[in-house]
Amino acid sequence: ELGVGYVMLLNATYSPAAYLRIRALLMAELTRGLPMPAPPRYQPAPGELAEHVGAYEFQSPRHALFGFLDRAVLAAEVSLDRDTLQLTLPAAGARVPLIPTGPGTFRMPGQVGSSVAFTRDAAGRRRATVMMGMAYEEAPGVLLTLRRLALAVALFLLETAVLLSLLWIPRRLFGKALPPGYARTRGAALAAALCFYAMIYVFVAGAQRFALGEVNRYSLGFLLLSLLFAGSSGAALARALRSLRRGRLDLITRVHSLVVAIAAFGITLWLMAHGIIGLRTWAW
């Protein structure tokens, strides 16, 4: 009635596909029988596209508590390839060309209206808004890449601790001798990794049941496991450093146990800095 268009509001959705289907149904109903306009065309001035090239940090997390995780994972990169801007989302493994629709506005292939906009804030920092209100702010590309890479490497190292346990634990159980201190060193790293995965499992299970806002086995379990993860990662690091100094184990075992422990302890410090370790979800 106001002549300004329509908006679709959802309280929450766990399925982007469901969001897109609902939006498509609404658009089909609103535009039924109407001729669709041609996509807007715009010819950027020389050098205009290059103003948007750079790395952008995600700034609109769905949940404030885990905003630090979104900022670490959901970065965006904008590059210029043969006079065409390319939007890359590393977390999604997607690289999409951007078609100009106006000064600082773009659409993606198959779209009829603008879905990406580049602006500057009062301080002159470049900002970008991508489909469905995803907001980004310019940031050093090297920093974003190193942060994302560090997280990926740390998680990979924790996985290797679990995988290697499938080799040495059966040997220990079936009576084959292990070098002195081997089981304690490997076991300390394994304990940290298992506490980490158990902590995530309990949190996700509680979130799926909407149970984290109360004192129950999920919220208490997450609290306890987060503290156990912090303690076990510190113990694993201490054990790995002790093993490295004594030199009783082979070099590969000592180095691998050390890097796994560093990864676990680094994740602990990261989570602790953002209030996750020891979090009472029912009181947050």
Foldseek 3Di string as FASTA:
>chain_A
DPPPDDDDDDPDDPDPVVVVVVVVVVVCVVCPPHDDDAAAADDDDPPQLVVPFAKWFWDDDPDPLCPVVSRLQFIWGWDADPNWIWIDGVNVRDIFTWHDRDRQFTDTPPDRYTAKGWDADPVRWIKMAGHPGTIITGDHPVVSVVSNVLLVVLLVLLVVLVVCCVPVVVCVVVPHDDFPLLCVLSVLLNQLSVLVVQLVVLQVVCVVVVNLQDPDCSLVVNQVSLQSNLVSLVVNQVSLVVCVVVVRDDPVSSVSSNSNSVSSNVVNVVCVVSPRHNDSSNVD
